[in-house]
Amino acid sequence: MIKVTIYKTDRHEYIGFDVKGHAGFSDEGMDIVCAAASALIINTLNALEKYTSDEMSVVSDDSDAQGRIEFRFTGSAGPTHDAELLLDTMILGLQEIEEDSDYEPYIDIIFKEV
């Protein structure tokens, strides 16, 4: 299962997110759930880097069976409006996967206030 944890402050500002695991929907290379989630997440990371001035940290490790990504905003000002919009878009796509009854068992999205 893919586990996505989204971290927000009590003011509803994003701090970052963690992604861990593989969907297990199908064999490696044929897993459409994993491919869809990966495309949304990697595209968002690329867009944040290219289109925003936000300071951030990304740690990724796909060498083990966990498929781990840890993303954090590191700037003191909090995320920009554009960064918030990009994350909202990523989360919308992931939630659409999670809400589909065929794919719901393969992805779990958790929101944590920090």
PDB file of N, CA and C in Angstrom:
ATOM      1  N   MET A   1       0.845  -1.181   0.000  1.00  0.00           N
ATOM      2  CA  MET A   1       0.000   0.000   0.000  1.00  0.00           C
ATOM      3  C   MET A   1       0.890   1.245   0.000  1.00  0.00           C
ATOM      4  N   ILE A   2       0.447   2.259  -0.741  1.00  0.00           N
ATOM      5  CA  ILE A   2       1.107   3.564  -0.723  1.00  0.00           C
ATOM      6  C   ILE A   2       0.501   4.364   0.426  1.00  0.00           C
ATOM      7  N   LYS A   3       1.356   4.856   1.308  1.00  0.00           N
ATOM      8  CA  LYS A   3       0.893   5.694   2.418  1.00  0.00           C
ATOM      9  C   LYS A   3       1.448   7.091   2.227  1.00  0.00           C
ATOM     10  N   VAL A   4       0.535   8.055   2.118  1.00  0.00           N
ATOM     11  CA  VAL A   4       0.902   9.455   1.946  1.00  0.00           C
ATOM     12  C   VAL A   4       0.473  10.198   3.204  1.00  0.00           C
ATOM     13  N   THR A   5       1.423  10.855   3.847  1.00  0.00           N
ATOM     14  CA  THR A   5       1.119  11.660   5.022  1.00  0.00           C
ATOM     15  C   THR A   5       1.400  13.113   4.673  1.00  0.00           C
ATOM     16  N   ILE A   6       0.367  13.946   4.780  1.00  0.00           N
ATOM     17  CA  ILE A   6       0.466  15.382   4.487  1.00  0.00           C
ATOM     18  C   ILE A   6       0.538  16.113   5.820  1.00  0.00           C
ATOM     19  N   TYR A   7       1.557  16.959   5.980  1.00  0.00           N
ATOM     20  CA  TYR A   7       1.730  17.701   7.225  1.00  0.00           C
ATOM     21  C   TYR A   7       1.317  19.160   7.024  1.00  0.00           C
ATOM     22  N   LYS A   8       0.441  19.649   7.934  1.00  0.00           N
ATOM     23  CA  LYS A   8      -0.022  21.037   7.893  1.00  0.00           C
ATOM     24  C   LYS A   8       0.047  21.623   9.303  1.00  0.00           C
ATOM     25  N   THR A   9       0.145  22.948   9.356  1.00  0.00           N
ATOM     26  CA  THR A   9       0.132  23.628  10.650  1.00  0.00           C
ATOM     27  C   THR A   9      -1.302  23.834  11.102  1.00  0.00           C
ATOM     28  N   ASP A  10      -1.462  24.368  12.308  1.00  0.00           N
ATOM     29  CA  ASP A  10      -2.802  24.683  12.798  1.00  0.00           C
ATOM     30  C   ASP A  10      -3.430  25.832  12.010  1.00  0.00           C
ATOM     31  N   ARG A  11      -2.599  26.566  11.228  1.00  0.00           N
ATOM     32  CA  ARG A  11      -3.106  27.619  10.341  1.00  0.00           C
ATOM     33  C   ARG A  11      -3.360  27.076   8.927  1.00  0.00           C
ATOM     34  N   HIS A  12      -3.306  25.754   8.806  1.00  0.00           N
ATOM     35  CA  HIS A  12      -3.569  25.044   7.542  1.00  0.00           C
ATOM     36  C   HIS A  12      -2.523  25.332   6.465  1.00  0.00           C
ATOM     37  N   GLU A  13      -1.303  25.674   6.856  1.00  0.00           N
ATOM     38  CA  GLU A  13      -0.201  25.837   5.911  1.00  0.00           C
ATOM     39  C   GLU A  13       0.540  24.509   5.789  1.00  0.00           C
ATOM     40  N   TYR A  14       0.915  24.175   4.569  1.00  0.00           N
ATOM     41  CA  TYR A  14       1.661  22.946   4.357  1.00  0.00           C
ATOM     42  C   TYR A  14       3.058  23.059   4.947  1.00  0.00           C
ATOM     43  N   ILE A  15       3.501  21.975   5.565  1.00  0.00           N
ATOM     44  CA  ILE A  15       4.873  21.831   6.038  1.00  0.00           C
ATOM     45  C   ILE A  15       5.622  20.906   5.088  1.00  0.00           C
ATOM     46  N   GLY A  16       4.929  19.866   4.605  1.00  0.00           N
ATOM     47  CA  GLY A  16       5.538  18.892   3.716  1.00  0.00           C
ATOM     48  C   GLY A  16       4.697  17.639   3.639  1.00  0.00           C
ATOM     49  N   PHE A  17       5.311  16.577   3.123  1.00  0.00           N
ATOM     50  CA  PHE A  17       4.626  15.289   3.040  1.00  0.00           C
ATOM     51  C   PHE A  17       5.640  14.157   2.982  1.00  0.00           C
ATOM     52  N   ASP A  18       5.183  12.974   3.354  1.00  0.00           N
ATOM     53  CA  ASP A  18       5.960  11.738   3.233  1.00  0.00           C
ATOM     54  C   ASP A  18       5.163  10.764   2.382  1.00  0.00           C
ATOM     55  N   VAL A  19       5.869  10.003   1.580  1.00  0.00           N
ATOM     56  CA  VAL A  19       5.253   8.927   0.797  1.00  0.00           C
ATOM     57  C   VAL A  19       6.073   7.678   1.057  1.00  0.00           C
ATOM     58  N   LYS A  20       5.384   6.572   1.303  1.00  0.00           N
ATOM     59  CA  LYS A  20       6.080   5.336   1.612  1.00  0.00           C
ATOM     60  C   LYS A  20       5.293   4.165   1.056  1.00  0.00           C
ATOM     61  N   GLY A  21       5.997   3.226   0.459  1.00  0.00           N
ATOM     62  CA  GLY A  21       5.376   1.989   0.031  1.00  0.00           C
ATOM     63  C   GLY A  21       5.083   1.922  -1.460  1.00  0.00           C
ATOM     64  N   HIS A  22       4.633   0.781  -1.854  1.00  0.00           N
ATOM     65  CA  HIS A  22       4.221   0.518  -3.230  1.00  0.00           C
ATOM     66  C   HIS A  22       2.784   0.017  -3.199  1.00  0.00           C
ATOM     67  N   ALA A  23       2.052   0.299  -4.248  1.00  0.00           N
ATOM     68  CA  ALA A  23       0.626  -0.027  -4.261  1.00  0.00           C
ATOM     69  C   ALA A  23       0.364  -1.529  -4.159  1.00  0.00           C
ATOM     70  N   GLY A  24       1.066  -2.315  -4.943  1.00  0.00           N
ATOM     71  CA  GLY A  24       0.794  -3.749  -4.954  1.00  0.00           C
ATOM     72  C   GLY A  24      -0.449  -4.116  -5.742  1.00  0.00           C
ATOM     73  N   PHE A  25      -0.914  -3.201  -6.586  1.00  0.00           N
ATOM     74  CA  PHE A  25      -2.099  -3.456  -7.407  1.00  0.00           C
ATOM     75  C   PHE A  25      -1.812  -4.518  -8.468  1.00  0.00           C
ATOM     76  N   SER A  26      -0.586  -4.487  -9.002  1.00  0.00           N
ATOM     77  CA  SER A  26      -0.192  -5.405 -10.060  1.00  0.00           C
ATOM     78  C   SER A  26       1.317  -5.617  -9.975  1.00  0.00           C
ATOM     79  N   ASP A  27       1.852  -6.409 -10.885  1.00  0.00           N
ATOM     80  CA  ASP A  27       3.292  -6.651 -10.921  1.00  0.00           C
ATOM     81  C   ASP A  27       4.055  -5.358 -11.209  1.00  0.00           C
ATOM     82  N   GLU A  28       5.305  -5.324 -10.748  1.00  0.00           N
ATOM     83  CA  GLU A  28       6.157  -4.165 -10.998  1.00  0.00           C
ATOM     84  C   GLU A  28       6.223  -3.890 -12.498  1.00  0.00           C
ATOM     85  N   GLY A  29       6.080  -2.632 -12.852  1.00  0.00           N
ATOM     86  CA  GLY A  29       6.074  -2.234 -14.253  1.00  0.00           C
ATOM     87  C   GLY A  29       4.691  -2.243 -14.877  1.00  0.00           C
ATOM     88  N   MET A  30       3.732  -2.862 -14.207  1.00  0.00           N
ATOM     89  CA  MET A  30       2.364  -2.934 -14.715  1.00  0.00           C
ATOM     90  C   MET A  30       1.367  -2.339 -13.725  1.00  0.00           C
ATOM     91  N   ASP A  31       1.871  -1.791 -12.630  1.00  0.00           N
ATOM     92  CA  ASP A  31       1.026  -1.300 -11.539  1.00  0.00           C
ATOM     93  C   ASP A  31       0.549   0.121 -11.849  1.00  0.00           C
ATOM     94  N   ILE A  32      -0.684   0.247 -12.305  1.00  0.00           N
ATOM     95  CA  ILE A  32      -1.197   1.561 -12.709  1.00  0.00           C
ATOM     96  C   ILE A  32      -1.442   2.485 -11.523  1.00  0.00           C
ATOM     97  N   VAL A  33      -1.708   1.934 -10.358  1.00  0.00           N
ATOM     98  CA  VAL A  33      -1.911   2.772  -9.170  1.00  0.00           C
ATOM     99  C   VAL A  33      -0.591   3.407  -8.767  1.00  0.00           C
ATOM    100  N   CYS A  34       0.450   2.606  -8.724  1.00  0.00           N
ATOM    101  CA  CYS A  34       1.776   3.119  -8.378  1.00  0.00           C
ATOM    102  C   CYS A  34       2.245   4.130  -9.429  1.00  0.00           C
ATOM    103  N   ALA A  35       2.011   3.834 -10.683  1.00  0.00           N
ATOM    104  CA  ALA A  35       2.421   4.742 -11.753  1.00  0.00           C
ATOM    105  C   ALA A  35       1.686   6.078 -11.666  1.00  0.00           C
ATOM    106  N   ALA A  36       0.398   6.022 -11.408  1.00  0.00           N
ATOM    107  CA  ALA A  36      -0.393   7.260 -11.313  1.00  0.00           C
ATOM    108  C   ALA A  36       0.054   8.102 -10.123  1.00  0.00           C
ATOM    109  N   ALA A  37       0.200   7.474  -8.958  1.00  0.00           N
ATOM    110  CA  ALA A  37       0.635   8.211  -7.767  1.00  0.00           C
ATOM    111  C   ALA A  37       2.036   8.767  -7.966  1.00  0.00           C
ATOM    112  N   SER A  38       2.925   7.978  -8.518  1.00  0.00           N
ATOM    113  CA  SER A  38       4.296   8.434  -8.751  1.00  0.00           C
ATOM    114  C   SER A  38       4.333   9.618  -9.705  1.00  0.00           C
ATOM    115  N   ALA A  39       3.552   9.560 -10.771  1.00  0.00           N
ATOM    116  CA  ALA A  39       3.519  10.665 -11.731  1.00  0.00           C
ATOM    117  C   ALA A  39       3.028  11.949 -11.076  1.00  0.00           C
ATOM    118  N   LEU A  40       1.982  11.860 -10.272  1.00  0.00           N
ATOM    119  CA  LEU A  40       1.469  13.046  -9.575  1.00  0.00           C
ATOM    120  C   LEU A  40       2.503  13.625  -8.618  1.00  0.00           C
ATOM    121  N   ILE A  41       3.133  12.771  -7.846  1.00  0.00           N
ATOM    122  CA  ILE A  41       4.078  13.222  -6.832  1.00  0.00           C
ATOM    123  C   ILE A  41       5.353  13.788  -7.465  1.00  0.00           C
ATOM    124  N   ILE A  42       5.947  13.066  -8.389  1.00  0.00           N
ATOM    125  CA  ILE A  42       7.194  13.519  -9.017  1.00  0.00           C
ATOM    126  C   ILE A  42       6.956  14.787  -9.831  1.00  0.00           C
ATOM    127  N   ASN A  43       5.838  14.867 -10.542  1.00  0.00           N
ATOM    128  CA  ASN A  43       5.530  16.075 -11.297  1.00  0.00           C
ATOM    129  C   ASN A  43       5.373  17.276 -10.366  1.00  0.00           C
ATOM    130  N   THR A  44       4.743  17.070  -9.225  1.00  0.00           N
ATOM    131  CA  THR A  44       4.574  18.157  -8.254  1.00  0.00           C
ATOM    132  C   THR A  44       5.931  18.617  -7.731  1.00  0.00           C
ATOM    133  N   LEU A  45       6.803  17.683  -7.386  1.00  0.00           N
ATOM    134  CA  LEU A  45       8.142  18.057  -6.918  1.00  0.00           C
ATOM    135  C   LEU A  45       8.899  18.837  -7.985  1.00  0.00           C
ATOM    136  N   ASN A  46       8.828  18.380  -9.227  1.00  0.00           N
ATOM    137  CA  ASN A  46       9.495  19.086 -10.321  1.00  0.00           C
ATOM    138  C   ASN A  46       8.911  20.481 -10.524  1.00  0.00           C
ATOM    139  N   ALA A  47       7.589  20.599 -10.458  1.00  0.00           N
ATOM    140  CA  ALA A  47       6.930  21.892 -10.635  1.00  0.00           C
ATOM    141  C   ALA A  47       7.271  22.851  -9.494  1.00  0.00           C
ATOM    142  N   LEU A  48       7.325  22.348  -8.266  1.00  0.00           N
ATOM    143  CA  LEU A  48       7.707  23.191  -7.131  1.00  0.00           C
ATOM    144  C   LEU A  48       9.106  23.760  -7.325  1.00  0.00           C
ATOM    145  N   GLU A  49      10.013  22.918  -7.797  1.00  0.00           N
ATOM    146  CA  GLU A  49      11.394  23.363  -8.019  1.00  0.00           C
ATOM    147  C   GLU A  49      11.483  24.370  -9.165  1.00  0.00           C
ATOM    148  N   LYS A  50      10.753  24.116 -10.233  1.00  0.00           N
ATOM    149  CA  LYS A  50      10.871  24.954 -11.430  1.00  0.00           C
ATOM    150  C   LYS A  50      10.072  26.251 -11.338  1.00  0.00           C
ATOM    151  N   TYR A  51       8.878  26.211 -10.753  1.00  0.00           N
ATOM    152  CA  TYR A  51       7.965  27.348 -10.838  1.00  0.00           C
ATOM    153  C   TYR A  51       7.787  28.139  -9.549  1.00  0.00           C
ATOM    154  N   THR A  52       8.438  27.730  -8.464  1.00  0.00           N
ATOM    155  CA  THR A  52       8.314  28.498  -7.233  1.00  0.00           C
ATOM    156  C   THR A  52       9.704  28.864  -6.711  1.00  0.00           C
ATOM    157  N   SER A  53       9.720  29.800  -5.809  1.00  0.00           N
ATOM    158  CA  SER A  53      10.979  30.207  -5.164  1.00  0.00           C
ATOM    159  C   SER A  53      11.093  29.612  -3.768  1.00  0.00           C
ATOM    160  N   ASP A  54      10.208  28.691  -3.437  1.00  0.00           N
ATOM    161  CA  ASP A  54      10.183  28.110  -2.100  1.00  0.00           C
ATOM    162  C   ASP A  54      11.458  27.314  -1.813  1.00  0.00           C
ATOM    163  N   GLU A  55      11.915  27.425  -0.567  1.00  0.00           N
ATOM    164  CA  GLU A  55      13.036  26.611  -0.112  1.00  0.00           C
ATOM    165  C   GLU A  55      12.466  25.283   0.359  1.00  0.00           C
ATOM    166  N   MET A  56      13.116  24.187  -0.061  1.00  0.00           N
ATOM    167  CA  MET A  56      12.577  22.872   0.252  1.00  0.00           C
ATOM    168  C   MET A  56      13.679  21.837   0.349  1.00  0.00           C
ATOM    169  N   SER A  57      13.328  20.725   0.952  1.00  0.00           N
ATOM    170  CA  SER A  57      14.222  19.578   1.082  1.00  0.00           C
ATOM    171  C   SER A  57      13.475  18.342   0.603  1.00  0.00           C
ATOM    172  N   VAL A  58      14.153  17.545  -0.224  1.00  0.00           N
ATOM    173  CA  VAL A  58      13.564  16.293  -0.698  1.00  0.00           C
ATOM    174  C   VAL A  58      14.566  15.173  -0.465  1.00  0.00           C
ATOM    175  N   VAL A  59      14.108  14.131   0.209  1.00  0.00           N
ATOM    176  CA  VAL A  59      14.909  12.930   0.402  1.00  0.00           C
ATOM    177  C   VAL A  59      14.126  11.790  -0.216  1.00  0.00           C
ATOM    178  N   SER A  60      14.780  11.041  -1.087  1.00  0.00           N
ATOM    179  CA  SER A  60      14.084   9.925  -1.718  1.00  0.00           C
ATOM    180  C   SER A  60      14.982   8.701  -1.699  1.00  0.00           C
ATOM    181  N   ASP A  61      14.371   7.558  -1.520  1.00  0.00           N
ATOM    182  CA  ASP A  61      15.106   6.299  -1.475  1.00  0.00           C
ATOM    183  C   ASP A  61      14.233   5.215  -2.081  1.00  0.00           C
ATOM    184  N   ASP A  62      14.532   4.863  -3.317  1.00  0.00           N
ATOM    185  CA  ASP A  62      13.781   3.785  -3.959  1.00  0.00           C
ATOM    186  C   ASP A  62      14.614   2.507  -4.034  1.00  0.00           C
ATOM    187  N   SER A  63      15.728   2.479  -3.277  1.00  0.00           N
ATOM    188  CA  SER A  63      16.593   1.301  -3.302  1.00  0.00           C
ATOM    189  C   SER A  63      16.029   0.141  -2.480  1.00  0.00           C
ATOM    190  N   ASP A  64      15.140   0.442  -1.555  1.00  0.00           N
ATOM    191  CA  ASP A  64      14.540  -0.626  -0.757  1.00  0.00           C
ATOM    192  C   ASP A  64      13.089  -0.844  -1.199  1.00  0.00           C
ATOM    193  N   ALA A  65      12.411  -1.696  -0.517  1.00  0.00           N
ATOM    194  CA  ALA A  65      11.032  -2.022  -0.888  1.00  0.00           C
ATOM    195  C   ALA A  65      10.042  -0.948  -0.469  1.00  0.00           C
ATOM    196  N   GLN A  66      10.500   0.108   0.192  1.00  0.00           N
ATOM    197  CA  GLN A  66       9.592   1.116   0.726  1.00  0.00           C
ATOM    198  C   GLN A  66       9.245   2.219  -0.271  1.00  0.00           C
ATOM    199  N   GLY A  67      10.096   2.517  -1.245  1.00  0.00           N
ATOM    200  CA  GLY A  67       9.799   3.593  -2.177  1.00  0.00           C
ATOM    201  C   GLY A  67       9.526   4.900  -1.459  1.00  0.00           C
ATOM    202  N   ARG A  68      10.443   5.375  -0.652  1.00  0.00           N
ATOM    203  CA  ARG A  68      10.221   6.483   0.281  1.00  0.00           C
ATOM    204  C   ARG A  68      10.590   7.835  -0.325  1.00  0.00           C
ATOM    205  N   ILE A  69       9.728   8.840  -0.088  1.00  0.00           N
ATOM    206  CA  ILE A  69       9.999  10.239  -0.415  1.00  0.00           C
ATOM    207  C   ILE A  69       9.607  11.069   0.799  1.00  0.00           C
ATOM    208  N   GLU A  70      10.514  11.948   1.228  1.00  0.00           N
ATOM    209  CA  GLU A  70      10.226  12.880   2.316  1.00  0.00           C
ATOM    210  C   GLU A  70      10.442  14.289   1.776  1.00  0.00           C
ATOM    211  N   PHE A  71       9.398  15.099   1.799  1.00  0.00           N
ATOM    212  CA  PHE A  71       9.452  16.469   1.295  1.00  0.00           C
ATOM    213  C   PHE A  71       9.110  17.422   2.423  1.00  0.00           C
ATOM    214  N   ARG A  72       9.909  18.492   2.574  1.00  0.00           N
ATOM    215  CA  ARG A  72       9.629  19.525   3.569  1.00  0.00           C
ATOM    216  C   ARG A  72       9.925  20.897   2.993  1.00  0.00           C
ATOM    217  N   PHE A  73       9.080  21.860   3.335  1.00  0.00           N
ATOM    218  CA  PHE A  73       9.402  23.255   3.092  1.00  0.00           C
ATOM    219  C   PHE A  73      10.386  23.665   4.175  1.00  0.00           C
ATOM    220  N   THR A  74      11.464  24.356   3.802  1.00  0.00           N
ATOM    221  CA  THR A  74      12.488  24.727   4.778  1.00  0.00           C
ATOM    222  C   THR A  74      12.552  26.229   5.026  1.00  0.00           C
ATOM    223  N   GLY A  75      11.861  27.023   4.236  1.00  0.00           N
ATOM    224  CA  GLY A  75      11.873  28.475   4.417  1.00  0.00           C
ATOM    225  C   GLY A  75      11.042  28.886   5.618  1.00  0.00           C
ATOM    226  N   SER A  76      11.417  29.976   6.234  1.00  0.00           N
ATOM    227  CA  SER A  76      10.718  30.429   7.439  1.00  0.00           C
ATOM    228  C   SER A  76       9.395  31.133   7.134  1.00  0.00           C
ATOM    229  N   ALA A  77       9.209  31.582   5.901  1.00  0.00           N
ATOM    230  CA  ALA A  77       8.011  32.342   5.547  1.00  0.00           C
ATOM    231  C   ALA A  77       6.799  31.456   5.256  1.00  0.00           C
ATOM    232  N   GLY A  78       6.994  30.161   5.204  1.00  0.00           N
ATOM    233  CA  GLY A  78       5.892  29.275   4.825  1.00  0.00           C
ATOM    234  C   GLY A  78       5.800  29.183   3.317  1.00  0.00           C
ATOM    235  N   PRO A  79       5.032  28.269   2.817  1.00  0.00           N
ATOM    236  CA  PRO A  79       4.937  28.072   1.369  1.00  0.00           C
ATOM    237  C   PRO A  79       4.235  29.241   0.672  1.00  0.00           C
ATOM    238  N   THR A  80       4.659  29.501  -0.547  1.00  0.00           N
ATOM    239  CA  THR A  80       4.021  30.534  -1.356  1.00  0.00           C
ATOM    240  C   THR A  80       2.655  30.059  -1.835  1.00  0.00           C
ATOM    241  N   HIS A  81       1.869  30.989  -2.341  1.00  0.00           N
ATOM    242  CA  HIS A  81       0.556  30.647  -2.887  1.00  0.00           C
ATOM    243  C   HIS A  81       0.692  29.619  -4.006  1.00  0.00           C
ATOM    244  N   ASP A  82       1.677  29.807  -4.888  1.00  0.00           N
ATOM    245  CA  ASP A  82       1.867  28.862  -5.993  1.00  0.00           C
ATOM    246  C   ASP A  82       2.210  27.462  -5.481  1.00  0.00           C
ATOM    247  N   ALA A  83       3.045  27.391  -4.451  1.00  0.00           N
ATOM    248  CA  ALA A  83       3.401  26.095  -3.887  1.00  0.00           C
ATOM    249  C   ALA A  83       2.175  25.415  -3.268  1.00  0.00           C
ATOM    250  N   GLU A  84       1.369  26.191  -2.558  1.00  0.00           N
ATOM    251  CA  GLU A  84       0.139  25.647  -1.965  1.00  0.00           C
ATOM    252  C   GLU A  84      -0.784  25.101  -3.061  1.00  0.00           C
ATOM    253  N   LEU A  85      -0.908  25.842  -4.139  1.00  0.00           N
ATOM    254  CA  LEU A  85      -1.765  25.418  -5.246  1.00  0.00           C
ATOM    255  C   LEU A  85      -1.254  24.128  -5.877  1.00  0.00           C
ATOM    256  N   LEU A  86       0.050  24.028  -6.068  1.00  0.00           N
ATOM    257  CA  LEU A  86       0.615  22.808  -6.638  1.00  0.00           C
ATOM    258  C   LEU A  86       0.371  21.605  -5.719  1.00  0.00           C
ATOM    259  N   LEU A  87       0.544  21.784  -4.423  1.00  0.00           N
ATOM    260  CA  LEU A  87       0.282  20.683  -3.496  1.00  0.00           C
ATOM    261  C   LEU A  87      -1.208  20.335  -3.455  1.00  0.00           C
ATOM    262  N   ASP A  88      -2.066  21.342  -3.482  1.00  0.00           N
ATOM    263  CA  ASP A  88      -3.508  21.071  -3.534  1.00  0.00           C
ATOM    264  C   ASP A  88      -3.863  20.226  -4.754  1.00  0.00           C
ATOM    265  N   THR A  89      -3.229  20.516  -5.873  1.00  0.00           N
ATOM    266  CA  THR A  89      -3.485  19.781  -7.107  1.00  0.00           C
ATOM    267  C   THR A  89      -3.010  18.336  -6.986  1.00  0.00           C
ATOM    268  N   MET A  90      -1.818  18.138  -6.414  1.00  0.00           N
ATOM    269  CA  MET A  90      -1.303  16.780  -6.206  1.00  0.00           C
ATOM    270  C   MET A  90      -2.245  15.996  -5.293  1.00  0.00           C
ATOM    271  N   ILE A  91      -2.665  16.617  -4.200  1.00  0.00           N
ATOM    272  CA  ILE A  91      -3.540  15.951  -3.236  1.00  0.00           C
ATOM    273  C   ILE A  91      -4.883  15.615  -3.876  1.00  0.00           C
ATOM    274  N   LEU A  92      -5.427  16.514  -4.681  1.00  0.00           N
ATOM    275  CA  LEU A  92      -6.677  16.240  -5.385  1.00  0.00           C
ATOM    276  C   LEU A  92      -6.549  14.979  -6.236  1.00  0.00           C
ATOM    277  N   GLY A  93      -5.469  14.880  -7.001  1.00  0.00           N
ATOM    278  CA  GLY A  93      -5.261  13.698  -7.839  1.00  0.00           C
ATOM    279  C   GLY A  93      -5.128  12.424  -7.020  1.00  0.00           C
ATOM    280  N   LEU A  94      -4.366  12.496  -5.916  1.00  0.00           N
ATOM    281  CA  LEU A  94      -4.204  11.320  -5.061  1.00  0.00           C
ATOM    282  C   LEU A  94      -5.520  10.923  -4.404  1.00  0.00           C
ATOM    283  N   GLN A  95      -6.322  11.913  -3.990  1.00  0.00           N
ATOM    284  CA  GLN A  95      -7.618  11.614  -3.389  1.00  0.00           C
ATOM    285  C   GLN A  95      -8.573  10.985  -4.392  1.00  0.00           C
ATOM    286  N   GLU A  96      -8.498  11.394  -5.639  1.00  0.00           N
ATOM    287  CA  GLU A  96      -9.338  10.784  -6.671  1.00  0.00           C
ATOM    288  C   GLU A  96      -9.008   9.303  -6.821  1.00  0.00           C
ATOM    289  N   ILE A  97      -7.727   8.963  -6.728  1.00  0.00           N
ATOM    290  CA  ILE A  97      -7.333   7.546  -6.774  1.00  0.00           C
ATOM    291  C   ILE A  97      -7.879   6.827  -5.544  1.00  0.00           C
ATOM    292  N   GLU A  98      -7.672   7.434  -4.376  1.00  0.00           N
ATOM    293  CA  GLU A  98      -8.095   6.814  -3.116  1.00  0.00           C
ATOM    294  C   GLU A  98      -9.612   6.608  -3.057  1.00  0.00           C
ATOM    295  N   GLU A  99     -10.371   7.503  -3.645  1.00  0.00           N
ATOM    296  CA  GLU A  99     -11.830   7.422  -3.584  1.00  0.00           C
ATOM    297  C   GLU A  99     -12.430   6.457  -4.602  1.00  0.00           C
ATOM    298  N   ASP A 100     -11.635   5.991  -5.546  1.00  0.00           N
ATOM    299  CA  ASP A 100     -12.114   5.012  -6.521  1.00  0.00           C
ATOM    300  C   ASP A 100     -12.148   3.639  -5.855  1.00  0.00           C
ATOM    301  N   SER A 101     -13.293   2.995  -5.855  1.00  0.00           N
ATOM    302  CA  SER A 101     -13.447   1.721  -5.138  1.00  0.00           C
ATOM    303  C   SER A 101     -12.497   0.631  -5.649  1.00  0.00           C
ATOM    304  N   ASP A 102     -12.061   0.724  -6.902  1.00  0.00           N
ATOM    305  CA  ASP A 102     -11.122  -0.268  -7.437  1.00  0.00           C
ATOM    306  C   ASP A 102      -9.711  -0.080  -6.884  1.00  0.00           C
ATOM    307  N   TYR A 103      -9.373   1.145  -6.505  1.00  0.00           N
ATOM    308  CA  TYR A 103      -7.998   1.453  -6.111  1.00  0.00           C
ATOM    309  C   TYR A 103      -7.840   1.814  -4.641  1.00  0.00           C
ATOM    310  N   GLU A 104      -8.934   2.041  -3.940  1.00  0.00           N
ATOM    311  CA  GLU A 104      -8.915   2.471  -2.542  1.00  0.00           C
ATOM    312  C   GLU A 104      -8.053   1.583  -1.641  1.00  0.00           C
ATOM    313  N   PRO A 105      -8.041   0.258  -1.833  1.00  0.00           N
ATOM    314  CA  PRO A 105      -7.219  -0.570  -0.938  1.00  0.00           C
ATOM    315  C   PRO A 105      -5.709  -0.391  -1.127  1.00  0.00           C
ATOM    316  N   TYR A 106      -5.308   0.359  -2.149  1.00  0.00           N
ATOM    317  CA  TYR A 106      -3.889   0.430  -2.497  1.00  0.00           C
ATOM    318  C   TYR A 106      -3.233   1.764  -2.157  1.00  0.00           C
ATOM    319  N   ILE A 107      -3.997   2.714  -1.639  1.00  0.00           N
ATOM    320  CA  ILE A 107      -3.446   4.014  -1.289  1.00  0.00           C
ATOM    321  C   ILE A 107      -4.197   4.575  -0.083  1.00  0.00           C
ATOM    322  N   ASP A 108      -3.440   5.186   0.822  1.00  0.00           N
ATOM    323  CA  ASP A 108      -4.021   5.761   2.029  1.00  0.00           C
ATOM    324  C   ASP A 108      -3.408   7.145   2.222  1.00  0.00           C
ATOM    325  N   ILE A 109      -4.261   8.158   2.334  1.00  0.00           N
ATOM    326  CA  ILE A 109      -3.805   9.532   2.538  1.00  0.00           C
ATOM    327  C   ILE A 109      -4.205   9.972   3.934  1.00  0.00           C
ATOM    328  N   ILE A 110      -3.235  10.463   4.688  1.00  0.00           N
ATOM    329  CA  ILE A 110      -3.446  10.886   6.068  1.00  0.00           C
ATOM    330  C   ILE A 110      -3.010  12.351   6.181  1.00  0.00           C
ATOM    331  N   PHE A 111      -3.809  13.150   6.872  1.00  0.00           N
ATOM    332  CA  PHE A 111      -3.445  14.538   7.149  1.00  0.00           C
ATOM    333  C   PHE A 111      -3.085  14.640   8.620  1.00  0.00           C
ATOM    334  N   LYS A 112      -1.909  15.235   8.905  1.00  0.00           N
ATOM    335  CA  LYS A 112      -1.473  15.404  10.283  1.00  0.00           C
ATOM    336  C   LYS A 112      -1.187  16.883  10.555  1.00  0.00           C
ATOM    337  N   GLU A 113      -1.699  17.355  11.665  1.00  0.00           N
ATOM    338  CA  GLU A 113      -1.407  18.726  12.093  1.00  0.00           C
ATOM    339  C   GLU A 113      -0.143  18.696  12.939  1.00  0.00           C
ATOM    340  N   VAL A 114       0.801  19.560  12.589  1.00  0.00           N
ATOM    341  CA  VAL A 114       2.068  19.636  13.328  1.00  0.00           C
ATOM    342  C   VAL A 114       2.325  21.034  13.831  1.00  0.00           C
TER     343      VAL A 114
END
